[in-house]
């Protein structure tokens, strides 16, 4: 039941990586990109 963000979790990035490139890119542009830990990437280009 725990919810995890797409941009910071292993399952989230794996899921994005399996999407069609154009769909994944459009999805990334809508993400909140919140900083969850001191290691979290918050840059969409890097993601």
ModelCIF file with pLDDT and N, C-alpha, C, O atoms, coordinates in Angstrom:
data_MODEL
#
_entry.id   MODEL 
#
_entity.id                         1 
_entity.type                       polymer 
_entity.pdbx_number_of_molecules   1 
#
_entity_poly.entity_id                      1 
_entity_poly.type                           'polypeptide(L)' 
_entity_poly.nstd_linkage                   no 
_entity_poly.nstd_monomer                   no 
_entity_poly.pdbx_seq_one_letter_code       
;(UNK)(UNK)(UNK)(UNK)(UNK)(UNK)(UNK)(UNK)(UNK)(UNK)(UNK)(UNK)(UNK)(UNK)(UNK)(UNK)
(UNK)(UNK)(UNK)(UNK)(UNK)(UNK)(UNK)(UNK)(UNK)(UNK)(UNK)(UNK)(UNK)(UNK)(UNK)(UNK)
(UNK)(UNK)(UNK)(UNK)(UNK)(UNK)(UNK)(UNK)(UNK)(UNK)(UNK)(UNK)(UNK)(UNK)(UNK)
;
_entity_poly.pdbx_seq_one_letter_code_can   XXXXXXXXXXXXXXXXXXXXXXXXXXXXXXXXXXXXXXXXXXXXXXX 
_entity_poly.pdbx_strand_id                 A 
#
loop_
_entity_poly_seq.entity_id 
_entity_poly_seq.num 
_entity_poly_seq.mon_id 
_entity_poly_seq.hetero 
1 1  UNK n 
1 2  UNK n 
1 3  UNK n 
1 4  UNK n 
1 5  UNK n 
1 6  UNK n 
1 7  UNK n 
1 8  UNK n 
1 9  UNK n 
1 10 UNK n 
1 11 UNK n 
1 12 UNK n 
1 13 UNK n 
1 14 UNK n 
1 15 UNK n 
1 16 UNK n 
1 17 UNK n 
1 18 UNK n 
1 19 UNK n 
1 20 UNK n 
1 21 UNK n 
1 22 UNK n 
1 23 UNK n 
1 24 UNK n 
1 25 UNK n 
1 26 UNK n 
1 27 UNK n 
1 28 UNK n 
1 29 UNK n 
1 30 UNK n 
1 31 UNK n 
1 32 UNK n 
1 33 UNK n 
1 34 UNK n 
1 35 UNK n 
1 36 UNK n 
1 37 UNK n 
1 38 UNK n 
1 39 UNK n 
1 40 UNK n 
1 41 UNK n 
1 42 UNK n 
1 43 UNK n 
1 44 UNK n 
1 45 UNK n 
1 46 UNK n 
1 47 UNK n 
#
_struct_asym.id          A 
_struct_asym.entity_id   1 
#
loop_
_ma_qa_metric.id 
_ma_qa_metric.mode 
_ma_qa_metric.name 
_ma_qa_metric.software_group_id 
_ma_qa_metric.type 
1 global pLDDT . pLDDT 
2 local  pLDDT . pLDDT 
#
_ma_qa_metric_global.metric_id      1 
_ma_qa_metric_global.metric_value   96.11 
_ma_qa_metric_global.model_id       1 
_ma_qa_metric_global.ordinal_id     1 
#
loop_
_ma_qa_metric_local.label_asym_id 
_ma_qa_metric_local.label_comp_id 
_ma_qa_metric_local.label_seq_id 
_ma_qa_metric_local.metric_id 
_ma_qa_metric_local.metric_value 
_ma_qa_metric_local.model_id 
_ma_qa_metric_local.ordinal_id 
A UNK 1  2 88.00 1 1  
A UNK 2  2 90.00 1 2  
A UNK 3  2 91.00 1 3  
A UNK 4  2 94.00 1 4  
A UNK 5  2 96.00 1 5  
A UNK 6  2 96.00 1 6  
A UNK 7  2 97.00 1 7  
A UNK 8  2 97.00 1 8  
A UNK 9  2 97.00 1 9  
A UNK 10 2 97.00 1 10 
A UNK 11 2 98.00 1 11 
A UNK 12 2 97.00 1 12 
A UNK 13 2 98.00 1 13 
A UNK 14 2 98.00 1 14 
A UNK 15 2 98.00 1 15 
A UNK 16 2 98.00 1 16 
A UNK 17 2 97.00 1 17 
A UNK 18 2 97.00 1 18 
A UNK 19 2 97.00 1 19 
A UNK 20 2 96.00 1 20 
A UNK 21 2 96.00 1 21 
A UNK 22 2 96.00 1 22 
A UNK 23 2 96.00 1 23 
A UNK 24 2 97.00 1 24 
A UNK 25 2 96.00 1 25 
A UNK 26 2 95.00 1 26 
A UNK 27 2 95.00 1 27 
A UNK 28 2 97.00 1 28 
A UNK 29 2 95.00 1 29 
A UNK 30 2 94.00 1 30 
A UNK 31 2 95.00 1 31 
A UNK 32 2 93.00 1 32 
A UNK 33 2 96.00 1 33 
A UNK 34 2 96.00 1 34 
A UNK 35 2 97.00 1 35 
A UNK 36 2 96.00 1 36 
A UNK 37 2 97.00 1 37 
A UNK 38 2 97.00 1 38 
A UNK 39 2 98.00 1 39 
A UNK 40 2 98.00 1 40 
A UNK 41 2 97.00 1 41 
A UNK 42 2 97.00 1 42 
A UNK 43 2 97.00 1 43 
A UNK 44 2 97.00 1 44 
A UNK 45 2 97.00 1 45 
A UNK 46 2 97.00 1 46 
A UNK 47 2 98.00 1 47 
#
loop_
_atom_site.group_PDB 
_atom_site.id 
_atom_site.type_symbol 
_atom_site.label_atom_id 
_atom_site.label_alt_id 
_atom_site.label_comp_id 
_atom_site.label_asym_id 
_atom_site.label_entity_id 
_atom_site.label_seq_id 
_atom_site.pdbx_PDB_ins_code 
_atom_site.Cartn_x 
_atom_site.Cartn_y 
_atom_site.Cartn_z 
_atom_site.occupancy 
_atom_site.B_iso_or_equiv 
_atom_site.pdbx_formal_charge 
_atom_site.auth_seq_id 
_atom_site.auth_comp_id 
_atom_site.auth_asym_id 
_atom_site.auth_atom_id 
_atom_site.pdbx_PDB_model_num 
ATOM 1   N N  . UNK A 1 1  ? 0.805  -1.217 0.000   1.00 88.00 ? 1  UNK A N  1 
ATOM 2   C CA . UNK A 1 1  ? 0.000  0.000  0.000   1.00 88.00 ? 1  UNK A CA 1 
ATOM 3   C C  . UNK A 1 1  ? 0.836  1.263  0.000   1.00 88.00 ? 1  UNK A C  1 
ATOM 4   O O  . UNK A 1 1  ? 0.313  2.352  -0.237  1.00 88.00 ? 1  UNK A O  1 
ATOM 5   N N  . UNK A 1 2  ? 2.145  1.132  0.266   1.00 90.00 ? 2  UNK A N  1 
ATOM 6   C CA . UNK A 1 2  ? 3.031  2.291  0.238   1.00 90.00 ? 2  UNK A CA 1 
ATOM 7   C C  . UNK A 1 2  ? 3.092  2.861  -1.178  1.00 90.00 ? 2  UNK A C  1 
ATOM 8   O O  . UNK A 1 2  ? 3.237  2.119  -2.150  1.00 90.00 ? 2  UNK A O  1 
ATOM 9   N N  . UNK A 1 3  ? 2.979  4.179  -1.284  1.00 91.00 ? 3  UNK A N  1 
ATOM 10  C CA . UNK A 1 3  ? 3.109  4.850  -2.580  1.00 91.00 ? 3  UNK A CA 1 
ATOM 11  C C  . UNK A 1 3  ? 4.531  5.371  -2.735  1.00 91.00 ? 3  UNK A C  1 
ATOM 12  O O  . UNK A 1 3  ? 5.108  5.897  -1.783  1.00 91.00 ? 3  UNK A O  1 
ATOM 13  N N  . UNK A 1 4  ? 5.094  5.229  -3.921  1.00 94.00 ? 4  UNK A N  1 
ATOM 14  C CA . UNK A 1 4  ? 6.454  5.721  -4.164  1.00 94.00 ? 4  UNK A CA 1 
ATOM 15  C C  . UNK A 1 4  ? 6.466  6.556  -5.447  1.00 94.00 ? 4  UNK A C  1 
ATOM 16  O O  . UNK A 1 4  ? 5.773  6.222  -6.408  1.00 94.00 ? 4  UNK A O  1 
ATOM 17  N N  . UNK A 1 5  ? 7.243  7.634  -5.469  1.00 96.00 ? 5  UNK A N  1 
ATOM 18  C CA . UNK A 1 5  ? 7.301  8.499  -6.653  1.00 96.00 ? 5  UNK A CA 1 
ATOM 19  C C  . UNK A 1 5  ? 7.967  7.811  -7.837  1.00 96.00 ? 5  UNK A C  1 
ATOM 20  O O  . UNK A 1 5  ? 8.816  6.938  -7.661  1.00 96.00 ? 5  UNK A O  1 
ATOM 21  N N  . UNK A 1 6  ? 7.581  8.205  -9.026  1.00 96.00 ? 6  UNK A N  1 
ATOM 22  C CA . UNK A 1 6  ? 8.183  7.660  -10.244 1.00 96.00 ? 6  UNK A CA 1 
ATOM 23  C C  . UNK A 1 6  ? 9.659  8.042  -10.356 1.00 96.00 ? 6  UNK A C  1 
ATOM 24  O O  . UNK A 1 6  ? 10.495 7.214  -10.719 1.00 96.00 ? 6  UNK A O  1 
ATOM 25  N N  . UNK A 1 7  ? 9.972  9.304  -10.042 1.00 97.00 ? 7  UNK A N  1 
ATOM 26  C CA . UNK A 1 7  ? 11.310 9.824  -10.352 1.00 97.00 ? 7  UNK A CA 1 
ATOM 27  C C  . UNK A 1 7  ? 12.395 9.375  -9.390  1.00 97.00 ? 7  UNK A C  1 
ATOM 28  O O  . UNK A 1 7  ? 13.577 9.403  -9.732  1.00 97.00 ? 7  UNK A O  1 
ATOM 29  N N  . UNK A 1 8  ? 12.001 8.953  -8.165  1.00 97.00 ? 8  UNK A N  1 
ATOM 30  C CA . UNK A 1 8  ? 13.018 8.653  -7.155  1.00 97.00 ? 8  UNK A CA 1 
ATOM 31  C C  . UNK A 1 8  ? 13.144 7.172  -6.828  1.00 97.00 ? 8  UNK A C  1 
ATOM 32  O O  . UNK A 1 8  ? 14.118 6.769  -6.192  1.00 97.00 ? 8  UNK A O  1 
ATOM 33  N N  . UNK A 1 9  ? 12.190 6.357  -7.244  1.00 97.00 ? 9  UNK A N  1 
ATOM 34  C CA . UNK A 1 9  ? 12.198 4.934  -6.878  1.00 97.00 ? 9  UNK A CA 1 
ATOM 35  C C  . UNK A 1 9  ? 12.731 4.050  -8.000  1.00 97.00 ? 9  UNK A C  1 
ATOM 36  O O  . UNK A 1 9  ? 12.657 4.406  -9.176  1.00 97.00 ? 9  UNK A O  1 
ATOM 37  N N  . UNK A 1 10 ? 13.264 2.901  -7.624  1.00 97.00 ? 10 UNK A N  1 
ATOM 38  C CA . UNK A 1 10 ? 13.737 1.946  -8.622  1.00 97.00 ? 10 UNK A CA 1 
ATOM 39  C C  . UNK A 1 10 ? 12.597 1.430  -9.484  1.00 97.00 ? 10 UNK A C  1 
ATOM 40  O O  . UNK A 1 10 ? 12.737 1.316  -10.702 1.00 97.00 ? 10 UNK A O  1 
ATOM 41  N N  . UNK A 1 11 ? 11.457 1.115  -8.849  1.00 98.00 ? 11 UNK A N  1 
ATOM 42  C CA . UNK A 1 11 ? 10.312 0.622  -9.620  1.00 98.00 ? 11 UNK A CA 1 
ATOM 43  C C  . UNK A 1 11 ? 9.786  1.701  -10.555 1.00 98.00 ? 11 UNK A C  1 
ATOM 44  O O  . UNK A 1 11 ? 9.358  1.408  -11.671 1.00 98.00 ? 11 UNK A O  1 
ATOM 45  N N  . UNK A 1 12 ? 9.818  2.957  -10.096 1.00 97.00 ? 12 UNK A N  1 
ATOM 46  C CA . UNK A 1 12 ? 9.323  4.049  -10.920 1.00 97.00 ? 12 UNK A CA 1 
ATOM 47  C C  . UNK A 1 12 ? 10.161 4.283  -12.150 1.00 97.00 ? 12 UNK A C  1 
ATOM 48  O O  . UNK A 1 12 ? 9.629  4.422  -13.251 1.00 97.00 ? 12 UNK A O  1 
ATOM 49  N N  . UNK A 1 13 ? 11.463 4.329  -11.978 1.00 98.00 ? 13 UNK A N  1 
ATOM 50  C CA . UNK A 1 13 ? 12.357 4.561  -13.121 1.00 98.00 ? 13 UNK A CA 1 
ATOM 51  C C  . UNK A 1 13 ? 12.344 3.365  -14.071 1.00 98.00 ? 13 UNK A C  1 
ATOM 52  O O  . UNK A 1 13 ? 12.456 3.528  -15.286 1.00 98.00 ? 13 UNK A O  1 
ATOM 53  N N  . UNK A 1 14 ? 12.206 2.162  -13.512 1.00 98.00 ? 14 UNK A N  1 
ATOM 54  C CA . UNK A 1 14 ? 12.097 0.976  -14.365 1.00 98.00 ? 14 UNK A CA 1 
ATOM 55  C C  . UNK A 1 14 ? 10.831 1.050  -15.205 1.00 98.00 ? 14 UNK A C  1 
ATOM 56  O O  . UNK A 1 14 ? 10.846 0.722  -16.391 1.00 98.00 ? 14 UNK A O  1 
ATOM 57  N N  . UNK A 1 15 ? 9.735  1.482  -14.588 1.00 98.00 ? 15 UNK A N  1 
ATOM 58  C CA . UNK A 1 15 ? 8.455  1.597  -15.296 1.00 98.00 ? 15 UNK A CA 1 
ATOM 59  C C  . UNK A 1 15 ? 8.552  2.640  -16.402 1.00 98.00 ? 15 UNK A C  1 
ATOM 60  O O  . UNK A 1 15 ? 8.107  2.399  -17.524 1.00 98.00 ? 15 UNK A O  1 
ATOM 61  N N  . UNK A 1 16 ? 9.132  3.797  -16.092 1.00 98.00 ? 16 UNK A N  1 
ATOM 62  C CA . UNK A 1 16 ? 9.308  4.848  -17.107 1.00 98.00 ? 16 UNK A CA 1 
ATOM 63  C C  . UNK A 1 16 ? 10.172 4.349  -18.265 1.00 98.00 ? 16 UNK A C  1 
ATOM 64  O O  . UNK A 1 16 ? 9.914  4.664  -19.427 1.00 98.00 ? 16 UNK A O  1 
ATOM 65  N N  . UNK A 1 17 ? 11.202 3.566  -17.930 1.00 97.00 ? 17 UNK A N  1 
ATOM 66  C CA . UNK A 1 17 ? 12.106 3.059  -18.957 1.00 97.00 ? 17 UNK A CA 1 
ATOM 67  C C  . UNK A 1 17 ? 11.468 2.064  -19.894 1.00 97.00 ? 17 UNK A C  1 
ATOM 68  O O  . UNK A 1 17 ? 11.979 1.828  -20.988 1.00 97.00 ? 17 UNK A O  1 
ATOM 69  N N  . UNK A 1 18 ? 10.356 1.475  -19.485 1.00 97.00 ? 18 UNK A N  1 
ATOM 70  C CA . UNK A 1 18 ? 9.658  0.499  -20.322 1.00 97.00 ? 18 UNK A CA 1 
ATOM 71  C C  . UNK A 1 18 ? 8.568  1.150  -21.177 1.00 97.00 ? 18 UNK A C  1 
ATOM 72  O O  . UNK A 1 18 ? 7.986  0.500  -22.046 1.00 97.00 ? 18 UNK A O  1 
ATOM 73  N N  . UNK A 1 19 ? 8.295  2.427  -20.928 1.00 97.00 ? 19 UNK A N  1 
ATOM 74  C CA . UNK A 1 19 ? 7.303  3.147  -21.730 1.00 97.00 ? 19 UNK A CA 1 
ATOM 75  C C  . UNK A 1 19 ? 7.904  3.548  -23.076 1.00 97.00 ? 19 UNK A C  1 
ATOM 76  O O  . UNK A 1 19 ? 9.125  3.570  -23.227 1.00 97.00 ? 19 UNK A O  1 
ATOM 77  N N  . UNK A 1 20 ? 7.066  3.860  -24.039 1.00 96.00 ? 20 UNK A N  1 
ATOM 78  C CA . UNK A 1 20 ? 7.555  4.400  -25.297 1.00 96.00 ? 20 UNK A CA 1 
ATOM 79  C C  . UNK A 1 20 ? 8.268  5.716  -24.996 1.00 96.00 ? 20 UNK A C  1 
ATOM 80  O O  . UNK A 1 20 ? 7.813  6.481  -24.146 1.00 96.00 ? 20 UNK A O  1 
ATOM 81  N N  . UNK A 1 21 ? 9.388  5.993  -25.685 1.00 96.00 ? 21 UNK A N  1 
ATOM 82  C CA . UNK A 1 21 ? 10.190 7.193  -25.367 1.00 96.00 ? 21 UNK A CA 1 
ATOM 83  C C  . UNK A 1 21 ? 9.377  8.478  -25.302 1.00 96.00 ? 21 UNK A C  1 
ATOM 84  O O  . UNK A 1 21 ? 9.537  9.272  -24.375 1.00 96.00 ? 21 UNK A O  1 
ATOM 85  N N  . UNK A 1 22 ? 8.499  8.686  -26.290 1.00 96.00 ? 22 UNK A N  1 
ATOM 86  C CA . UNK A 1 22 ? 7.737  9.938  -26.302 1.00 96.00 ? 22 UNK A CA 1 
ATOM 87  C C  . UNK A 1 22 ? 6.735  10.000 -25.138 1.00 96.00 ? 22 UNK A C  1 
ATOM 88  O O  . UNK A 1 22 ? 6.485  11.072 -24.588 1.00 96.00 ? 22 UNK A O  1 
ATOM 89  N N  . UNK A 1 23 ? 6.172  8.860  -24.772 1.00 96.00 ? 23 UNK A N  1 
ATOM 90  C CA . UNK A 1 23 ? 5.235  8.825  -23.647 1.00 96.00 ? 23 UNK A CA 1 
ATOM 91  C C  . UNK A 1 23 ? 5.964  9.053  -22.324 1.00 96.00 ? 23 UNK A C  1 
ATOM 92  O O  . UNK A 1 23 ? 5.475  9.766  -21.447 1.00 96.00 ? 23 UNK A O  1 
ATOM 93  N N  . UNK A 1 24 ? 7.128  8.444  -22.195 1.00 97.00 ? 24 UNK A N  1 
ATOM 94  C CA . UNK A 1 24 ? 7.920  8.619  -20.973 1.00 97.00 ? 24 UNK A CA 1 
ATOM 95  C C  . UNK A 1 24 ? 8.342  10.072 -20.812 1.00 97.00 ? 24 UNK A C  1 
ATOM 96  O O  . UNK A 1 24 ? 8.293  10.615 -19.708 1.00 97.00 ? 24 UNK A O  1 
ATOM 97  N N  . UNK A 1 25 ? 8.757  10.705 -21.907 1.00 96.00 ? 25 UNK A N  1 
ATOM 98  C CA . UNK A 1 25 ? 9.198  12.095 -21.843 1.00 96.00 ? 25 UNK A CA 1 
ATOM 99  C C  . UNK A 1 25 ? 8.054  13.020 -21.447 1.00 96.00 ? 25 UNK A C  1 
ATOM 100 O O  . UNK A 1 25 ? 8.238  13.930 -20.640 1.00 96.00 ? 25 UNK A O  1 
ATOM 101 N N  . UNK A 1 26 ? 6.879  12.789 -22.012 1.00 95.00 ? 26 UNK A N  1 
ATOM 102 C CA . UNK A 1 26 ? 5.714  13.604 -21.661 1.00 95.00 ? 26 UNK A CA 1 
ATOM 103 C C  . UNK A 1 26 ? 5.350  13.405 -20.192 1.00 95.00 ? 26 UNK A C  1 
ATOM 104 O O  . UNK A 1 26 ? 4.955  14.350 -19.509 1.00 95.00 ? 26 UNK A O  1 
ATOM 105 N N  . UNK A 1 27 ? 5.486  12.173 -19.714 1.00 95.00 ? 27 UNK A N  1 
ATOM 106 C CA . UNK A 1 27 ? 5.188  11.855 -18.315 1.00 95.00 ? 27 UNK A CA 1 
ATOM 107 C C  . UNK A 1 27 ? 6.171  12.567 -17.397 1.00 95.00 ? 27 UNK A C  1 
ATOM 108 O O  . UNK A 1 27 ? 5.781  13.133 -16.377 1.00 95.00 ? 27 UNK A O  1 
ATOM 109 N N  . UNK A 1 28 ? 7.455  12.536 -17.767 1.00 97.00 ? 28 UNK A N  1 
ATOM 110 C CA . UNK A 1 28 ? 8.498  13.162 -16.955 1.00 97.00 ? 28 UNK A CA 1 
ATOM 111 C C  . UNK A 1 28 ? 8.240  14.653 -16.789 1.00 97.00 ? 28 UNK A C  1 
ATOM 112 O O  . UNK A 1 28 ? 8.464  15.210 -15.714 1.00 97.00 ? 28 UNK A O  1 
ATOM 113 N N  . UNK A 1 29 ? 7.770  15.294 -17.846 1.00 95.00 ? 29 UNK A N  1 
ATOM 114 C CA . UNK A 1 29 ? 7.525  16.735 -17.802 1.00 95.00 ? 29 UNK A CA 1 
ATOM 115 C C  . UNK A 1 29 ? 6.419  17.115 -16.823 1.00 95.00 ? 29 UNK A C  1 
ATOM 116 O O  . UNK A 1 29 ? 6.323  18.275 -16.423 1.00 95.00 ? 29 UNK A O  1 
ATOM 117 N N  . UNK A 1 30 ? 5.587  16.156 -16.435 1.00 94.00 ? 30 UNK A N  1 
ATOM 118 C CA . UNK A 1 30 ? 4.476  16.426 -15.518 1.00 94.00 ? 30 UNK A CA 1 
ATOM 119 C C  . UNK A 1 30 ? 4.767  16.027 -14.079 1.00 94.00 ? 30 UNK A C  1 
ATOM 120 O O  . UNK A 1 30 ? 3.977  16.319 -13.182 1.00 94.00 ? 30 UNK A O  1 
ATOM 121 N N  . UNK A 1 31 ? 5.896  15.359 -13.853 1.00 95.00 ? 31 UNK A N  1 
ATOM 122 C CA . UNK A 1 31 ? 6.204  14.876 -12.510 1.00 95.00 ? 31 UNK A CA 1 
ATOM 123 C C  . UNK A 1 31 ? 6.561  16.017 -11.564 1.00 95.00 ? 31 UNK A C  1 
ATOM 124 O O  . UNK A 1 31 ? 7.047  17.064 -11.989 1.00 95.00 ? 31 UNK A O  1 
ATOM 125 N N  . UNK A 1 32 ? 6.313  15.798 -10.288 1.00 93.00 ? 32 UNK A N  1 
ATOM 126 C CA . UNK A 1 32 ? 6.583  16.794 -9.256  1.00 93.00 ? 32 UNK A CA 1 
ATOM 127 C C  . UNK A 1 32 ? 8.086  16.973 -9.012  1.00 93.00 ? 32 UNK A C  1 
ATOM 128 O O  . UNK A 1 32 ? 8.537  18.079 -8.714  1.00 93.00 ? 32 UNK A O  1 
ATOM 129 N N  . UNK A 1 33 ? 8.855  15.902 -9.135  1.00 96.00 ? 33 UNK A N  1 
ATOM 130 C CA . UNK A 1 33 ? 10.310 15.912 -8.971  1.00 96.00 ? 33 UNK A CA 1 
ATOM 131 C C  . UNK A 1 33 ? 10.732 16.419 -7.587  1.00 96.00 ? 33 UNK A C  1 
ATOM 132 O O  . UNK A 1 33 ? 11.720 17.142 -7.464  1.00 96.00 ? 33 UNK A O  1 
ATOM 133 N N  . UNK A 1 34 ? 9.986  16.040 -6.553  1.00 96.00 ? 34 UNK A N  1 
ATOM 134 C CA . UNK A 1 34 ? 10.324 16.462 -5.190  1.00 96.00 ? 34 UNK A CA 1 
ATOM 135 C C  . UNK A 1 34 ? 11.607 15.782 -4.715  1.00 96.00 ? 34 UNK A C  1 
ATOM 136 O O  . UNK A 1 34 ? 11.920 14.671 -5.141  1.00 96.00 ? 34 UNK A O  1 
ATOM 137 N N  . UNK A 1 35 ? 12.336 16.444 -3.844  1.00 97.00 ? 35 UNK A N  1 
ATOM 138 C CA . UNK A 1 35 ? 13.570 15.880 -3.298  1.00 97.00 ? 35 UNK A CA 1 
ATOM 139 C C  . UNK A 1 35 ? 13.213 15.017 -2.091  1.00 97.00 ? 35 UNK A C  1 
ATOM 140 O O  . UNK A 1 35 ? 12.842 15.536 -1.038  1.00 97.00 ? 35 UNK A O  1 
ATOM 141 N N  . UNK A 1 36 ? 13.326 13.707 -2.246  1.00 96.00 ? 36 UNK A N  1 
ATOM 142 C CA . UNK A 1 36 ? 12.930 12.759 -1.196  1.00 96.00 ? 36 UNK A CA 1 
ATOM 143 C C  . UNK A 1 36 ? 14.063 12.529 -0.203  1.00 96.00 ? 36 UNK A C  1 
ATOM 144 O O  . UNK A 1 36 ? 13.836 12.495 1.006   1.00 96.00 ? 36 UNK A O  1 
ATOM 145 N N  . UNK A 1 37 ? 15.275 12.371 -0.709  1.00 97.00 ? 37 UNK A N  1 
ATOM 146 C CA . UNK A 1 37 ? 16.465 12.228 0.132   1.00 97.00 ? 37 UNK A CA 1 
ATOM 147 C C  . UNK A 1 37 ? 17.540 13.168 -0.414  1.00 97.00 ? 37 UNK A C  1 
ATOM 148 O O  . UNK A 1 37 ? 17.339 13.832 -1.431  1.00 97.00 ? 37 UNK A O  1 
ATOM 149 N N  . UNK A 1 38 ? 18.665 13.215 0.265   1.00 97.00 ? 38 UNK A N  1 
ATOM 150 C CA . UNK A 1 38 ? 19.756 14.074 -0.210  1.00 97.00 ? 38 UNK A CA 1 
ATOM 151 C C  . UNK A 1 38 ? 20.351 13.558 -1.511  1.00 97.00 ? 38 UNK A C  1 
ATOM 152 O O  . UNK A 1 38 ? 21.116 14.266 -2.166  1.00 97.00 ? 38 UNK A O  1 
ATOM 153 N N  . UNK A 1 39 ? 20.005 12.322 -1.894  1.00 98.00 ? 39 UNK A N  1 
ATOM 154 C CA . UNK A 1 39 ? 20.529 11.718 -3.116  1.00 98.00 ? 39 UNK A CA 1 
ATOM 155 C C  . UNK A 1 39 ? 19.554 11.843 -4.295  1.00 98.00 ? 39 UNK A C  1 
ATOM 156 O O  . UNK A 1 39 ? 19.908 11.492 -5.421  1.00 98.00 ? 39 UNK A O  1 
ATOM 157 N N  . UNK A 1 40 ? 18.349 12.331 -4.055  1.00 98.00 ? 40 UNK A N  1 
ATOM 158 C CA . UNK A 1 40 ? 17.318 12.352 -5.099  1.00 98.00 ? 40 UNK A CA 1 
ATOM 159 C C  . UNK A 1 40 ? 17.653 13.332 -6.204  1.00 98.00 ? 40 UNK A C  1 
ATOM 160 O O  . UNK A 1 40 ? 17.976 14.492 -5.948  1.00 98.00 ? 40 UNK A O  1 
ATOM 161 N N  . UNK A 1 41 ? 17.572 12.853 -7.440  1.00 97.00 ? 41 UNK A N  1 
ATOM 162 C CA . UNK A 1 41 ? 17.720 13.734 -8.594  1.00 97.00 ? 41 UNK A CA 1 
ATOM 163 C C  . UNK A 1 41 ? 16.412 14.490 -8.821  1.00 97.00 ? 41 UNK A C  1 
ATOM 164 O O  . UNK A 1 41 ? 15.339 13.887 -8.835  1.00 97.00 ? 41 UNK A O  1 
ATOM 165 N N  . UNK A 1 42 ? 16.500 15.799 -8.999  1.00 97.00 ? 42 UNK A N  1 
ATOM 166 C CA . UNK A 1 42 ? 15.309 16.603 -9.250  1.00 97.00 ? 42 UNK A CA 1 
ATOM 167 C C  . UNK A 1 42 ? 15.369 17.301 -10.608 1.00 97.00 ? 42 UNK A C  1 
ATOM 168 O O  . UNK A 1 42 ? 14.562 18.186 -10.890 1.00 97.00 ? 42 UNK A O  1 
ATOM 169 N N  . UNK A 1 43 ? 16.317 16.907 -11.438 1.00 97.00 ? 43 UNK A N  1 
ATOM 170 C CA . UNK A 1 43 ? 16.506 17.505 -12.760 1.00 97.00 ? 43 UNK A CA 1 
ATOM 171 C C  . UNK A 1 43 ? 15.852 16.613 -13.816 1.00 97.00 ? 43 UNK A C  1 
ATOM 172 O O  . UNK A 1 43 ? 16.231 15.450 -13.954 1.00 97.00 ? 43 UNK A O  1 
ATOM 173 N N  . UNK A 1 44 ? 14.889 17.130 -14.554 1.00 97.00 ? 44 UNK A N  1 
ATOM 174 C CA . UNK A 1 44 ? 14.180 16.339 -15.561 1.00 97.00 ? 44 UNK A CA 1 
ATOM 175 C C  . UNK A 1 44 ? 15.106 15.861 -16.683 1.00 97.00 ? 44 UNK A C  1 
ATOM 176 O O  . UNK A 1 44 ? 14.949 14.753 -17.197 1.00 97.00 ? 44 UNK A O  1 
ATOM 177 N N  . UNK A 1 45 ? 16.070 16.704 -17.056 1.00 97.00 ? 45 UNK A N  1 
ATOM 178 C CA . UNK A 1 45 ? 17.000 16.318 -18.126 1.00 97.00 ? 45 UNK A CA 1 
ATOM 179 C C  . UNK A 1 45 ? 17.842 15.123 -17.697 1.00 97.00 ? 45 UNK A C  1 
ATOM 180 O O  . UNK A 1 45 ? 18.074 14.199 -18.476 1.00 97.00 ? 45 UNK A O  1 
ATOM 181 N N  . UNK A 1 46 ? 18.296 15.156 -16.450 1.00 97.00 ? 46 UNK A N  1 
ATOM 182 C CA . UNK A 1 46 ? 19.078 14.037 -15.914 1.00 97.00 ? 46 UNK A CA 1 
ATOM 183 C C  . UNK A 1 46 ? 18.215 12.784 -15.844 1.00 97.00 ? 46 UNK A C  1 
ATOM 184 O O  . UNK A 1 46 ? 18.680 11.691 -16.166 1.00 97.00 ? 46 UNK A O  1 
ATOM 185 N N  . UNK A 1 47 ? 16.956 12.936 -15.423 1.00 98.00 ? 47 UNK A N  1 
ATOM 186 C CA . UNK A 1 47 ? 16.050 11.786 -15.348 1.00 98.00 ? 47 UNK A CA 1 
ATOM 187 C C  . UNK A 1 47 ? 15.826 11.191 -16.729 1.00 98.00 ? 47 UNK A C  1 
ATOM 188 O O  . UNK A 1 47 ? 15.091 10.214 -16.868 1.00 98.00 ? 47 UNK A O  1 
#
